Amino acid sequence: MAHSGSEQQFVTVEEYRSRVLELIAPLPPVTTALSNCLGRTLAEAVIAKVDVPGFDNSAMDGYAIRLSDALGASESTPIELEVTGDIAAGSALNLELLPGCAIRIMTGAPIPSGADCVVPVEDTDRDFERGALCGSMRIQVLREPKPDAHIRPAGADIRLGAQVLSKGIALTARDLSAAAATGNAQLPVIPAPRVGIISTGTELQRPGEPLGSGQIYDSNSMLLAGLVIEAGAIAVPLESTTDDPAQLYRQLEVQAPKLDLIVTSGGVSVGAYDVVKEVLTPLGFWFGKVKMQPGKPQGCGTLEDGTPLIALPGNPVSVFVSFEAFVRPAIQKLSGRLELMRPTTTAVAKQAWRSPAGKIQFMPVQIINESSIDELNRCEPFVIPATSGGSGSHLVASLAKADGLAIIPESVEEVREGDQVEIIDVR
């Protein structure tokens, strides 16, 4: 990579992200039924309320016996036992196994007292017949069992009082299953943040409506709503506003108390009609330039009622990149996540591109299925710019091709073919 020593005195990406995150506090936890906890952050560790399994039970359909009654059993020298009982899964029967006898048992059924192993049905001369036992029956054991064979001891999975799940995890279906199995019907979780979305600009028109002179379709509202949902929050699209400051102020005044975060797009630069900057600067908001491309103009602060607001630039690629760099971490913090940033990985540039000196470039890239082997014999994917226009902030129609963002340091002016680059996979 070719490097440059030049720097521009802007706020760095890390400095601005810290400024944004200082505005954010995790939402207070709520106790919620398991059915409503998927994807939410666990606010406290979960403890087992029961042993799992709760009792010694059979791992097989077969016969509970005493090991001493089947020593030496084989197909050539079978050992015959009388079947004196039948235990199904869920049975409350408290049967006792007598010497020289067997009790038919189903998978998951409690082990009868006196039994110390289970002989699978396939190791006997009799298949199971559907329904309860009728009359007396004898079986032949065709293979000597091992001690404790096919018995799942009580507490073998987890013991009463042991930790099942750790605080701060995003709950998966597997986590909820573990919580249910250990007797937890409700969990303390951080609720999904409600994120309001406002696109600004007199030039914006709803998709599908006829375009007037100088108008464009509002794609940012749809983009931000999808990104918010993908980040695990609830998107609350609000009416797009014109460049009239009074209209934006009224909307914020009405909507902010109902929301945990507001994200705006447009109106943050140095234009004569930058409505977001005009309305929010008197409220103490910070507006400035971040050493990044795209997404240089940014703004953030807290409204009069305490609602944090992150103001993004208006070009769609800038919105996408800025969301990944600043808004998504803010949503993760609101949600109580311990890890705020996506993990990064490395890839190999399959073609060259330019990067601006003095700024971190977030290049939308396609991840190619082909791969390269590095010097440590690791397999790395190839990447190429997602559009022929590179990281141009206006290339919204080509944004759909992006699988990730390549993060190019501010000292790099050119990425050469074969260079290793850091990437965020956003698929």
Protein backbone atom coordinates (compact mmCIF):
# COMPACT_ATOMS: atom_id res chain seq x y z
CA MET A 1 0.00 0.00 0.00
CA ALA A 2 1.21 3.53 -0.78
CA HIS A 3 1.22 5.84 2.28
CA SER A 4 0.96 9.59 2.82
CA GLY A 5 2.04 11.62 5.83
CA SER A 6 -0.53 14.37 5.32
CA GLU A 7 -3.30 14.86 7.90
CA GLN A 8 -6.38 17.03 8.12
CA GLN A 9 -7.37 18.34 11.53
CA PHE A 10 -10.83 16.79 11.74
CA VAL A 11 -12.37 14.67 14.49
CA THR A 12 -11.33 11.04 14.11
CA VAL A 13 -13.83 8.22 13.68
CA GLU A 14 -12.94 6.87 17.13
CA GLU A 15 -13.33 10.30 18.77
CA TYR A 16 -16.71 10.88 17.21
CA ARG A 17 -17.93 7.36 18.05
CA SER A 18 -16.96 7.98 21.69
CA ARG A 19 -18.90 11.26 21.60
CA VAL A 20 -22.00 9.44 20.29
CA LEU A 21 -21.75 6.62 22.82
CA GLU A 22 -21.46 9.06 25.72
CA LEU A 23 -25.05 10.05 24.94
CA ILE A 24 -26.30 6.49 25.27
CA ALA A 25 -27.22 4.43 28.33
CA PRO A 26 -28.61 0.87 28.24
CA LEU A 27 -32.38 0.71 28.63
CA PRO A 28 -33.67 -0.55 32.00
CA PRO A 29 -34.42 -4.30 32.04
CA VAL A 30 -37.89 -5.80 32.07
CA THR A 31 -38.95 -9.29 33.12
CA THR A 32 -40.44 -10.98 30.09
CA ALA A 33 -41.95 -14.36 29.17
CA LEU A 34 -39.53 -16.66 27.35
CA SER A 35 -41.62 -16.44 24.19
CA ASN A 36 -40.80 -12.72 23.92
CA CYS A 37 -37.07 -12.92 24.72
CA LEU A 38 -35.58 -14.09 21.43
CA GLY A 39 -32.82 -11.73 20.31
CA ARG A 40 -32.95 -9.63 23.47
CA THR A 41 -29.98 -9.04 25.77
CA LEU A 42 -29.99 -10.95 29.03
CA ALA A 43 -29.76 -8.46 31.92
CA GLU A 44 -28.79 -10.97 34.62
CA ALA A 45 -27.24 -14.42 34.71
CA VAL A 46 -29.76 -17.29 34.63
CA ILE A 47 -29.55 -19.96 37.34
CA ALA A 48 -30.93 -23.51 37.12
CA LYS A 49 -34.01 -23.97 39.29
CA VAL A 50 -33.90 -27.77 38.96
CA ASP A 51 -31.45 -30.56 38.24
CA VAL A 52 -31.36 -31.60 34.58
CA PRO A 53 -32.21 -34.42 34.25
CA GLY A 54 -34.30 -34.27 37.39
CA PHE A 55 -34.05 -38.05 37.97
CA ASP A 56 -32.11 -41.07 36.74
CA ASN A 57 -33.72 -42.03 33.44
CA SER A 58 -33.28 -44.35 30.51
CA ALA A 59 -31.39 -43.27 27.41
CA MET A 60 -32.86 -46.14 25.37
CA ASP A 61 -36.01 -48.11 24.77
CA GLY A 62 -35.23 -51.43 26.41
CA TYR A 63 -35.27 -53.30 29.71
CA ALA A 64 -34.06 -52.14 33.12
CA ILE A 65 -32.18 -54.99 34.79
CA ARG A 66 -29.55 -55.81 37.40
CA LEU A 67 -26.12 -56.19 35.83
CA SER A 68 -25.44 -59.25 37.98
CA ASP A 69 -28.41 -61.01 36.35
CA ALA A 70 -26.93 -60.70 32.83
CA LEU A 71 -23.23 -61.45 33.33
CA GLY A 72 -21.92 -63.62 30.50
CA ALA A 73 -24.95 -63.09 28.27
CA SER A 74 -24.33 -63.58 24.55
CA GLU A 75 -26.17 -64.80 21.48
CA SER A 76 -24.75 -68.26 22.02
CA THR A 77 -25.49 -68.23 25.76
CA PRO A 78 -28.55 -66.01 26.26
CA ILE A 79 -29.86 -65.28 29.74
CA GLU A 80 -33.60 -65.39 30.28
CA LEU A 81 -35.38 -62.90 32.56
CA GLU A 82 -39.03 -62.45 33.50
CA VAL A 83 -40.56 -59.06 32.61
CA THR A 84 -42.52 -57.88 35.66
CA GLY A 85 -43.44 -54.31 34.80
CA ASP A 86 -43.60 -51.51 32.30
CA ILE A 87 -42.53 -47.86 32.68
CA ALA A 88 -43.33 -45.19 30.08
CA ALA A 89 -41.83 -41.71 29.85
CA GLY A 90 -43.72 -39.42 32.21
CA SER A 91 -44.80 -42.32 34.39
CA ALA A 92 -45.19 -41.71 38.13
CA LEU A 93 -44.94 -45.43 38.93
CA ASN A 94 -42.42 -46.32 41.63
CA LEU A 95 -41.60 -49.86 40.62
CA GLU A 96 -38.98 -52.04 42.29
CA LEU A 97 -36.91 -54.45 40.22
CA LEU A 98 -36.61 -57.89 41.78
CA PRO A 99 -33.56 -60.14 41.26
CA GLY A 100 -33.79 -62.28 38.11
CA CYS A 101 -36.35 -59.96 36.55
CA ALA A 102 -36.55 -57.12 34.01
CA ILE A 103 -38.82 -54.10 33.65
CA ARG A 104 -39.65 -52.79 30.18
CA ILE A 105 -38.68 -49.13 29.99
CA MET A 106 -39.00 -46.30 27.45
CA THR A 107 -36.52 -43.54 26.65
CA GLY A 108 -36.77 -40.81 29.29
CA ALA A 109 -38.63 -42.96 31.80
CA PRO A 110 -37.38 -43.07 35.41
CA ILE A 111 -35.08 -45.95 36.36
CA PRO A 112 -36.81 -48.32 38.82
CA SER A 113 -35.17 -48.93 42.18
CA GLY A 114 -32.87 -51.93 42.11
CA ALA A 115 -31.89 -51.52 38.43
CA ASP A 116 -28.32 -50.54 37.56
CA CYS A 117 -28.31 -50.75 33.76
CA VAL A 118 -30.59 -50.80 30.72
CA VAL A 119 -30.45 -53.41 27.97
CA PRO A 120 -31.53 -51.91 24.61
CA VAL A 121 -34.40 -53.78 22.99
CA GLU A 122 -32.14 -54.72 20.06
CA ASP A 123 -29.88 -56.64 22.49
CA THR A 124 -32.77 -58.95 23.37
CA ASP A 125 -34.81 -61.53 21.46
CA ARG A 126 -38.04 -59.52 21.54
CA ASP A 127 -39.12 -56.34 19.77
CA PHE A 128 -41.46 -53.98 21.56
CA GLU A 129 -45.16 -54.45 20.95
CA ARG A 130 -47.34 -51.36 20.89
CA GLY A 131 -49.28 -50.69 24.07
CA ALA A 132 -49.05 -51.92 27.64
CA LEU A 133 -47.80 -55.37 28.59
CA CYS A 134 -50.47 -58.05 28.71
CA GLY A 135 -49.80 -61.06 30.93
CA SER A 136 -46.45 -62.58 31.70
CA MET A 137 -43.52 -62.29 29.33
CA ARG A 138 -39.94 -63.46 29.28
CA ILE A 139 -36.98 -62.08 27.35
CA GLN A 140 -33.55 -63.35 26.48
CA VAL A 141 -30.60 -60.99 26.94
CA LEU A 142 -28.23 -61.55 24.00
CA ARG A 143 -25.36 -59.26 25.00
CA GLU A 144 -23.81 -58.58 28.40
CA PRO A 145 -24.38 -54.93 29.35
CA LYS A 146 -21.81 -52.63 30.91
CA PRO A 147 -22.22 -51.07 34.36
CA ASP A 148 -24.65 -48.11 34.32
CA ALA A 149 -25.27 -48.73 30.61
CA HIS A 150 -27.80 -46.32 29.04
CA ILE A 151 -28.69 -44.61 32.32
CA ARG A 152 -28.70 -40.80 32.37
CA PRO A 153 -28.00 -39.78 35.99
CA ALA A 154 -29.90 -36.97 37.68
CA GLY A 155 -28.05 -33.66 37.27
CA ALA A 156 -25.72 -35.01 34.58
CA ASP A 157 -26.47 -31.97 32.38
CA ILE A 158 -26.65 -29.28 35.07
CA ARG A 159 -27.25 -29.06 38.81
CA LEU A 160 -29.73 -26.96 40.74
CA GLY A 161 -28.20 -23.52 41.39
CA ALA A 162 -25.60 -23.68 38.60
CA GLN A 163 -25.35 -20.86 36.04
CA VAL A 164 -27.14 -21.65 32.80
CA LEU A 165 -26.68 -18.41 30.82
CA SER A 166 -24.33 -15.46 31.20
CA LYS A 167 -25.38 -11.84 31.58
CA GLY A 168 -25.09 -9.72 28.44
CA ILE A 169 -25.65 -12.37 25.77
CA ALA A 170 -28.10 -11.93 22.90
CA LEU A 171 -30.59 -14.71 23.53
CA THR A 172 -30.86 -17.41 20.87
CA ALA A 173 -33.42 -20.19 20.47
CA ARG A 174 -30.89 -22.55 22.08
CA ASP A 175 -30.53 -20.24 25.08
CA LEU A 176 -34.28 -20.06 25.55
CA SER A 177 -34.51 -23.84 25.38
CA ALA A 178 -31.86 -24.12 28.12
CA ALA A 179 -33.71 -21.58 30.25
CA ALA A 180 -36.98 -23.49 29.86
CA ALA A 181 -35.35 -26.84 30.63
CA THR A 182 -33.98 -25.46 33.90
CA GLY A 183 -37.34 -24.18 35.12
CA ASN A 184 -37.16 -20.51 34.06
CA ALA A 185 -40.42 -19.22 32.60
CA GLN A 186 -39.38 -15.55 32.50
CA LEU A 187 -36.09 -13.72 32.02
CA PRO A 188 -34.85 -10.20 32.79
CA VAL A 189 -33.96 -8.68 29.42
CA ILE A 190 -33.22 -5.30 27.88
CA PRO A 191 -36.21 -4.39 25.68
CA ALA A 192 -35.78 -3.62 22.00
CA PRO A 193 -34.99 0.09 21.57
CA ARG A 194 -37.50 2.18 19.64
CA VAL A 195 -35.58 4.15 17.01
CA GLY A 196 -37.25 7.01 15.18
CA ILE A 197 -36.17 7.73 11.59
CA ILE A 198 -36.52 11.10 9.88
CA SER A 199 -35.32 11.91 6.37
CA THR A 200 -35.05 15.62 5.63
CA GLY A 201 -35.11 17.59 2.41
CA THR A 202 -37.69 19.41 0.32
CA GLU A 203 -36.48 17.41 -2.68
CA LEU A 204 -37.68 14.07 -1.23
CA GLN A 205 -40.69 12.27 -2.67
CA ARG A 206 -42.32 9.02 -1.58
CA PRO A 207 -41.35 6.01 -3.74
CA GLY A 208 -43.96 5.40 -6.42
CA GLU A 209 -45.24 8.96 -6.51
CA PRO A 210 -44.58 11.10 -9.63
CA LEU A 211 -41.32 13.03 -9.40
CA GLY A 212 -41.47 16.77 -9.80
CA SER A 213 -38.67 18.93 -11.11
CA GLY A 214 -35.58 18.55 -8.91
CA GLN A 215 -37.13 15.81 -6.79
CA ILE A 216 -35.67 12.41 -5.86
CA TYR A 217 -37.17 9.38 -4.18
CA ASP A 218 -36.63 9.01 -0.44
CA SER A 219 -34.52 5.85 -0.15
CA ASN A 220 -32.91 6.74 3.18
CA SER A 221 -36.04 6.08 5.23
CA MET A 222 -36.25 2.53 3.89
CA LEU A 223 -32.50 2.00 4.27
CA LEU A 224 -32.42 3.19 7.86
CA ALA A 225 -35.54 1.26 8.86
CA GLY A 226 -34.02 -1.97 7.57
CA LEU A 227 -30.66 -1.31 9.22
CA VAL A 228 -32.36 -0.55 12.54
CA ILE A 229 -34.30 -3.82 12.41
CA GLU A 230 -31.18 -5.76 11.43
CA ALA A 231 -29.45 -4.24 14.47
CA GLY A 232 -32.14 -5.72 16.74
CA ALA A 233 -34.21 -2.59 17.40
CA ILE A 234 -37.72 -1.45 16.48
CA ALA A 235 -37.82 0.97 13.55
CA VAL A 236 -40.31 3.82 13.87
CA PRO A 237 -40.34 5.62 10.49
CA LEU A 238 -41.53 9.18 10.94
CA GLU A 239 -42.82 11.54 8.28
CA SER A 240 -40.04 12.98 6.14
CA THR A 241 -39.69 16.72 6.57
CA THR A 242 -38.98 19.59 4.21
CA ASP A 243 -36.27 22.17 4.81
CA ASP A 244 -38.68 24.15 7.01
CA PRO A 245 -37.12 24.37 10.53
CA ALA A 246 -40.50 24.79 12.21
CA GLN A 247 -41.77 21.52 10.71
CA LEU A 248 -38.75 19.54 11.95
CA TYR A 249 -38.88 21.15 15.40
CA ARG A 250 -42.58 20.29 15.80
CA GLN A 251 -42.01 16.71 14.76
CA LEU A 252 -39.14 16.24 17.22
CA GLU A 253 -41.18 17.86 20.01
CA VAL A 254 -44.08 15.44 19.45
CA GLN A 255 -42.20 12.23 18.69
CA ALA A 256 -39.10 12.32 20.91
CA PRO A 257 -40.80 11.37 24.21
CA LYS A 258 -42.02 8.12 22.62
CA LEU A 259 -38.58 7.02 21.41
CA ASP A 260 -35.25 5.80 22.77
CA LEU A 261 -33.18 7.21 19.90
CA ILE A 262 -33.77 9.34 16.82
CA VAL A 263 -31.72 9.13 13.63
CA THR A 264 -31.99 11.81 10.96
CA SER A 265 -30.52 11.91 7.47
CA GLY A 266 -29.62 15.08 5.59
CA GLY A 267 -29.27 18.69 6.61
CA VAL A 268 -25.98 18.47 8.56
CA SER A 269 -23.43 20.08 6.25
CA VAL A 270 -22.72 23.73 5.39
CA GLY A 271 -25.52 24.39 2.91
CA ALA A 272 -27.92 27.29 3.19
CA TYR A 273 -30.86 24.89 3.82
CA ASP A 274 -29.30 22.42 6.28
CA VAL A 275 -32.37 22.24 8.48
CA VAL A 276 -31.16 19.68 11.04
CA LYS A 277 -28.08 21.73 11.85
CA GLU A 278 -30.17 24.92 12.05
CA VAL A 279 -32.72 23.44 14.45
CA LEU A 280 -30.38 21.50 16.74
CA THR A 281 -27.33 23.75 17.06
CA PRO A 282 -29.18 26.10 19.48
CA LEU A 283 -29.94 23.01 21.64
CA GLY A 284 -26.24 22.38 22.18
CA PHE A 285 -25.74 19.71 19.53
CA TRP A 286 -22.27 19.07 18.14
CA PHE A 287 -21.85 19.35 14.36
CA GLY A 288 -18.56 18.90 12.59
CA LYS A 289 -16.42 16.91 10.20
CA VAL A 290 -15.13 13.39 10.76
CA LYS A 291 -11.98 12.10 9.09
CA MET A 292 -13.79 9.52 6.98
CA GLN A 293 -15.02 8.96 3.45
CA PRO A 294 -17.90 8.81 2.84
CA GLY A 295 -19.79 10.42 5.73
CA LYS A 296 -17.65 13.44 6.64
CA PRO A 297 -20.39 15.77 8.06
CA GLN A 298 -21.95 14.42 11.27
CA GLY A 299 -23.90 15.66 14.27
CA CYS A 300 -25.17 14.37 17.59
CA GLY A 301 -26.63 15.50 20.88
CA THR A 302 -29.54 15.18 23.28
CA LEU A 303 -32.96 16.77 22.87
CA GLU A 304 -34.58 18.79 25.64
CA ASP A 305 -36.45 15.73 26.96
CA GLY A 306 -33.22 13.65 27.09
CA THR A 307 -33.72 11.66 23.88
CA PRO A 308 -30.40 11.14 22.06
CA LEU A 309 -30.32 12.04 18.37
CA ILE A 310 -27.70 11.11 15.78
CA ALA A 311 -27.72 13.30 12.66
CA LEU A 312 -26.32 11.64 9.55
CA PRO A 313 -25.48 13.16 6.16
CA GLY A 314 -28.03 12.74 3.40
CA ASN A 315 -26.27 10.76 0.68
CA PRO A 316 -27.35 7.10 0.92
CA VAL A 317 -23.90 5.48 0.94
CA SER A 318 -22.88 7.97 3.62
CA VAL A 319 -25.99 6.93 5.57
CA PHE A 320 -25.07 3.25 5.25
CA VAL A 321 -21.47 3.79 6.32
CA SER A 322 -22.36 6.22 9.13
CA PHE A 323 -24.98 3.83 10.48
CA GLU A 324 -22.40 1.03 10.66
CA ALA A 325 -19.76 3.27 12.25
CA PHE A 326 -21.91 5.17 14.77
CA VAL A 327 -25.62 4.28 14.93
CA ARG A 328 -25.33 0.51 15.13
CA PRO A 329 -22.93 0.70 18.12
CA ALA A 330 -25.35 3.13 19.80
CA ILE A 331 -28.23 0.67 19.31
CA GLN A 332 -26.10 -2.15 20.69
CA LYS A 333 -25.36 -0.07 23.80
CA LEU A 334 -29.05 0.81 24.22
CA SER A 335 -29.78 -2.91 23.93
CA GLY A 336 -27.32 -3.76 26.71
CA ARG A 337 -24.87 -5.60 24.47
CA LEU A 338 -21.34 -6.10 25.74
CA GLU A 339 -19.84 -6.08 22.23
CA LEU A 340 -20.81 -2.88 20.43
CA MET A 341 -18.87 -3.30 17.18
CA ARG A 342 -19.08 -6.03 14.59
CA PRO A 343 -15.96 -8.19 14.41
CA THR A 344 -13.64 -7.49 11.50
CA THR A 345 -11.73 -9.94 9.36
CA THR A 346 -9.22 -9.69 6.54
CA ALA A 347 -9.53 -10.14 2.80
CA VAL A 348 -7.39 -9.64 -0.29
CA ALA A 349 -8.08 -6.88 -2.79
CA LYS A 350 -8.72 -8.45 -6.19
CA GLN A 351 -8.38 -5.08 -7.91
CA ALA A 352 -6.82 -1.72 -7.06
CA TRP A 353 -8.61 1.44 -5.96
CA ARG A 354 -7.77 4.91 -4.64
CA SER A 355 -8.32 6.13 -1.08
CA PRO A 356 -8.34 9.79 0.10
CA ALA A 357 -5.28 10.92 2.04
CA GLY A 358 -5.91 11.83 5.65
CA LYS A 359 -9.26 10.05 5.95
CA ILE A 360 -10.37 6.55 6.83
CA GLN A 361 -12.13 5.15 3.80
CA PHE A 362 -15.08 2.80 4.22
CA MET A 363 -15.26 1.19 0.80
CA PRO A 364 -18.40 -0.84 0.03
CA VAL A 365 -17.12 -4.14 -1.34
CA GLN A 366 -18.34 -7.37 -2.81
CA ILE A 367 -16.93 -10.50 -1.18
CA ILE A 368 -15.89 -12.97 -3.87
CA ASN A 369 -16.30 -16.70 -3.28
CA GLU A 370 -12.79 -17.36 -4.55
CA SER A 371 -10.11 -17.21 -1.87
CA SER A 372 -6.42 -16.55 -1.36
CA ILE A 373 -3.93 -18.39 0.88
CA ASP A 374 -1.82 -16.05 3.05
CA GLU A 375 1.69 -16.59 4.43
CA LEU A 376 0.25 -18.41 7.47
CA ASN A 377 -1.65 -20.79 5.20
CA ARG A 378 -4.99 -19.18 6.07
CA CYS A 379 -7.71 -18.92 3.49
CA GLU A 380 -8.92 -15.35 2.88
CA PRO A 381 -11.69 -14.15 0.55
CA PHE A 382 -11.14 -11.71 -2.28
CA VAL A 383 -12.96 -8.37 -2.36
CA ILE A 384 -13.66 -5.83 -5.08
CA PRO A 385 -15.38 -2.43 -4.88
CA ALA A 386 -19.14 -2.90 -5.04
CA THR A 387 -19.49 -0.16 -7.66
CA SER A 388 -17.42 1.28 -10.43
CA GLY A 389 -17.75 4.63 -8.65
CA GLY A 390 -15.90 3.40 -5.58
CA SER A 391 -17.02 4.92 -2.28
CA GLY A 392 -19.01 7.77 -3.85
CA SER A 393 -21.70 8.75 -1.38
CA HIS A 394 -24.49 9.10 -3.97
CA LEU A 395 -24.30 5.59 -5.50
CA VAL A 396 -27.45 4.28 -3.86
CA ALA A 397 -28.64 1.95 -6.66
CA SER A 398 -25.33 0.07 -6.51
CA LEU A 399 -25.32 -0.20 -2.71
CA ALA A 400 -27.29 -3.45 -2.88
CA LYS A 401 -24.19 -5.16 -4.26
CA ALA A 402 -22.18 -4.48 -1.09
CA ASP A 403 -21.46 -7.47 1.16
CA GLY A 404 -19.17 -5.52 3.45
CA LEU A 405 -17.05 -2.47 4.09
CA ALA A 406 -13.30 -2.40 3.60
CA ILE A 407 -11.66 -0.14 6.19
CA ILE A 408 -8.68 1.65 4.64
CA PRO A 409 -6.41 3.58 7.07
CA GLU A 410 -6.06 7.34 6.64
CA SER A 411 -2.36 6.98 5.76
CA VAL A 412 -3.16 4.88 2.66
CA GLU A 413 -3.79 6.58 -0.67
CA GLU A 414 -3.91 3.51 -2.87
CA VAL A 415 -5.02 -0.08 -2.35
CA ARG A 416 -3.14 -2.28 -4.75
CA GLU A 417 -4.23 -5.62 -6.17
CA GLY A 418 -3.12 -8.32 -3.72
CA ASP A 419 -3.09 -6.02 -0.67
CA GLN A 420 -4.60 -7.39 2.52
CA VAL A 421 -7.47 -5.21 3.80
CA GLU A 422 -9.60 -5.19 6.94
CA ILE A 423 -13.30 -5.71 6.28
CA ILE A 424 -16.62 -5.64 8.10
CA ASP A 425 -18.92 -8.36 6.77
CA VAL A 426 -22.46 -6.90 6.82
CA ARG A 427 -24.26 -9.80 5.18
